[in-house]
């Protein structure tokens, strides 16, 4: 074997090994970061509210709502709730869909016009795209979460909605309402 061939083969092997190490390192960092971020960011800015809540299906293919619908305007930015790897960014049934692998979780957003591509590593808070149109609800973004193939409520990871304040009304206040 000529020395130039040996050197070229060695360099090629080192390049492949370095590429593999960088990819493995990136995946390890994503998995570690996903575990460290206990409460995820809400994917759209604004008031934390839900238009349609999670409704677990009784059977695997039964009726239900496998996510939550968060009010959002078309064109509004959608942010990564946690550090992860983009596993899909494209169109399904005429609407933009984006999926993000965050540790053991697969998070899907729709309708979204993605600015990231499959394989991108995104950090918590990074812009994934913008809210599109053509979903099952107007002016919202649907967020679904699966872990080990099973759907769960995104609220378990996004933190809670603001607590409702219940006021105790005096007898005078009740009387004033009755007289109106």
Protein backbone atom coordinates (compact mmCIF):
# COMPACT_ATOMS: atom_id res chain seq x y z
CA UNK A 1 0.00 0.00 0.00
CA UNK A 2 1.36 3.37 -0.95
CA UNK A 3 1.81 5.91 1.89
CA UNK A 4 -0.57 8.39 0.23
CA UNK A 5 -3.35 5.76 0.14
CA UNK A 6 -2.68 4.87 3.78
CA UNK A 7 -2.78 8.53 4.80
CA UNK A 8 -5.99 9.15 2.82
CA UNK A 9 -7.66 6.08 4.37
CA UNK A 10 -6.59 7.10 7.86
CA UNK A 11 -7.86 10.65 7.39
CA UNK A 12 -11.18 9.38 6.04
CA UNK A 13 -11.56 7.05 9.04
CA UNK A 14 -10.76 9.88 11.46
CA UNK A 15 -13.28 12.16 9.73
CA UNK A 16 -16.00 9.51 9.99
CA UNK A 17 -15.17 8.89 13.65
CA UNK A 18 -15.28 12.63 14.43
CA UNK A 19 -18.60 13.04 12.62
CA UNK A 20 -20.08 10.16 14.57
CA UNK A 21 -18.75 11.58 17.83
CA UNK A 22 -20.19 15.04 17.13
CA UNK A 23 -23.61 13.56 16.28
CA UNK A 24 -23.56 11.36 19.39
CA UNK A 25 -22.48 14.30 21.53
CA UNK A 26 -25.31 16.46 20.16
CA UNK A 27 -27.88 13.74 20.88
CA UNK A 28 -26.48 13.23 24.38
CA UNK A 29 -26.66 16.96 25.06
CA UNK A 30 -30.27 17.07 23.84
CA UNK A 31 -31.26 14.11 26.01
CA UNK A 32 -29.54 15.63 29.05
CA UNK A 33 -31.06 19.07 28.47
CA UNK A 34 -34.53 17.58 28.00
CA UNK A 35 -34.30 15.88 31.37
CA UNK A 36 -33.01 19.05 33.04
CA UNK A 37 -35.90 21.20 31.82
CA UNK A 38 -38.71 20.05 34.06
CA UNK A 39 -41.25 22.68 33.02
CA UNK A 40 -41.45 23.45 29.32
CA UNK A 41 -42.01 26.87 27.83
CA UNK A 42 -45.37 27.64 26.28
CA UNK A 43 -44.87 27.47 22.49
CA UNK A 44 -46.63 30.76 21.74
CA UNK A 45 -46.46 34.06 23.56
CA UNK A 46 -49.50 35.59 25.16
CA UNK A 47 -51.99 34.59 27.79
CA UNK A 48 -51.71 30.96 28.82
CA UNK A 49 -55.12 29.64 27.96
CA UNK A 50 -56.61 26.70 26.11
CA UNK A 51 -59.30 26.74 23.47
CA UNK A 52 -59.81 22.95 23.53
CA UNK A 53 -58.35 20.71 26.23
CA UNK A 54 -56.84 17.25 26.04
CA UNK A 55 -59.43 14.47 25.94
CA UNK A 56 -57.94 11.00 26.26
CA UNK A 57 -59.43 8.46 23.86
CA UNK A 58 -61.01 5.40 25.46
CA UNK A 59 -59.34 3.12 22.90
CA UNK A 60 -56.21 3.53 20.77
CA UNK A 61 -58.19 4.66 17.72
CA UNK A 62 -61.21 6.02 19.58
CA UNK A 63 -62.58 9.52 19.67
CA UNK A 64 -60.74 12.14 21.67
CA UNK A 65 -58.56 15.21 21.37
CA UNK A 66 -54.93 14.09 21.54
CA UNK A 67 -53.47 17.43 22.54
CA UNK A 68 -54.45 20.98 23.42
CA UNK A 69 -55.39 23.94 21.25
CA UNK A 70 -53.70 27.14 22.32
CA UNK A 71 -55.12 30.44 20.99
CA UNK A 72 -52.67 31.99 18.51
CA UNK A 73 -52.84 34.27 15.48
CA UNK A 74 -51.74 33.15 12.03
CA UNK A 75 -48.14 34.27 11.57
CA UNK A 76 -47.36 34.23 15.30
CA UNK A 77 -44.01 32.62 16.18
CA UNK A 78 -43.96 29.07 17.57
CA UNK A 79 -41.08 28.39 19.99
CA UNK A 80 -39.42 25.17 21.11
CA UNK A 81 -40.77 24.34 24.57
CA UNK A 82 -37.51 22.52 25.40
CA UNK A 83 -34.25 21.57 23.72
CA UNK A 84 -34.76 18.83 21.14
CA UNK A 85 -34.23 17.45 17.65
CA UNK A 86 -36.64 18.22 14.79
CA UNK A 87 -37.94 14.86 13.55
CA UNK A 88 -40.44 16.15 10.97
CA UNK A 89 -41.15 19.48 9.30
CA UNK A 90 -43.55 19.28 6.40
CA UNK A 91 -47.13 18.98 5.26
CA UNK A 92 -49.74 16.40 6.23
CA UNK A 93 -53.29 16.66 4.89
CA UNK A 94 -52.72 20.19 3.54
CA UNK A 95 -51.46 21.64 6.83
CA UNK A 96 -48.00 22.28 8.18
CA UNK A 97 -46.86 19.89 10.88
CA UNK A 98 -43.68 20.00 12.94
CA UNK A 99 -42.50 17.28 15.33
CA UNK A 100 -39.77 17.67 17.92
CA UNK A 101 -38.07 14.87 19.88
CA UNK A 102 -37.42 16.01 23.46
CA UNK A 103 -35.85 13.18 25.40
CA UNK A 104 -38.51 10.44 25.60
CA UNK A 105 -41.24 12.77 24.32
CA UNK A 106 -42.42 13.46 20.79
CA UNK A 107 -44.07 16.88 20.56
CA UNK A 108 -46.14 17.85 17.51
CA UNK A 109 -47.39 21.27 16.46
CA UNK A 110 -49.95 22.13 13.79
CA UNK A 111 -50.61 24.14 11.71
CA UNK A 112 -47.04 25.44 11.58
CA UNK A 113 -44.98 26.84 8.74
CA UNK A 114 -41.53 25.59 9.77
CA UNK A 115 -38.29 27.58 9.58
CA UNK A 116 -36.31 24.54 10.77
CA UNK A 117 -35.66 21.26 8.99
CA UNK A 118 -35.57 17.61 9.97
CA UNK A 119 -32.44 16.81 11.96
CA UNK A 120 -31.94 20.33 13.33
CA UNK A 121 -31.07 20.53 17.02
CA UNK A 122 -33.02 23.41 18.57
CA UNK A 123 -32.62 24.94 21.98
CA UNK A 124 -35.38 25.85 24.39
CA UNK A 125 -37.13 29.02 23.19
CA UNK A 126 -35.81 28.85 19.60
CA UNK A 127 -38.25 29.83 16.85
CA UNK A 128 -39.52 26.69 15.09
CA UNK A 129 -41.82 28.48 12.66
CA UNK A 130 -45.06 30.43 12.56
CA UNK A 131 -48.69 29.50 13.12
CA UNK A 132 -50.32 28.59 9.83
CA UNK A 133 -53.90 28.05 8.75
CA UNK A 134 -55.98 25.03 7.83
CA UNK A 135 -56.28 23.23 11.13
CA UNK A 136 -59.29 21.87 12.98
CA UNK A 137 -59.59 25.19 14.80
CA UNK A 138 -59.26 28.78 13.70
CA UNK A 139 -56.57 30.99 15.23
CA UNK A 140 -54.88 28.33 17.33
CA UNK A 141 -51.91 26.00 17.41
CA UNK A 142 -52.51 22.36 18.32
CA UNK A 143 -49.85 20.83 20.58
CA UNK A 144 -49.74 17.07 21.04
CA UNK A 145 -47.33 15.02 23.17
CA UNK A 146 -46.55 11.31 23.06
CA UNK A 147 -44.26 9.29 25.29
CA UNK A 148 -43.47 5.72 24.33
CA UNK A 149 -46.26 5.89 21.75
CA UNK A 150 -48.95 6.96 24.24
CA UNK A 151 -50.60 10.38 24.15
CA UNK A 152 -50.62 12.52 27.26
CA UNK A 153 -51.73 16.01 28.15
CA UNK A 154 -49.13 18.64 27.23
CA UNK A 155 -50.14 20.50 30.39
CA UNK A 156 -48.19 17.92 32.39
CA UNK A 157 -45.04 19.41 30.85
CA UNK A 158 -45.98 23.00 30.03
CA UNK A 159 -46.73 23.97 33.56
CA UNK A 160 -50.15 24.93 34.68
CA UNK A 161 -52.67 27.48 33.63
CA UNK A 162 -53.06 30.44 35.96
CA UNK A 163 -55.12 29.46 38.98
CA UNK A 164 -58.62 30.84 39.13
CA UNK A 165 -59.29 33.20 42.01
CA UNK A 166 -62.55 32.59 43.78
CA UNK A 167 -63.86 35.56 45.67
CA UNK A 168 -66.09 35.24 48.68
CA UNK A 169 -68.95 37.68 48.21
CA UNK A 170 -70.60 39.32 51.14
CA UNK A 171 -74.35 39.11 51.76
CA UNK A 172 -74.62 42.77 50.68
CA UNK A 173 -73.02 41.99 47.30
CA UNK A 174 -75.40 39.07 46.69
CA UNK A 175 -78.34 41.32 47.68
CA UNK A 176 -77.20 44.02 45.22
CA UNK A 177 -77.09 41.46 42.40
CA UNK A 178 -80.58 40.22 43.27
CA UNK A 179 -82.00 43.72 43.13
CA UNK A 180 -80.72 44.41 39.58
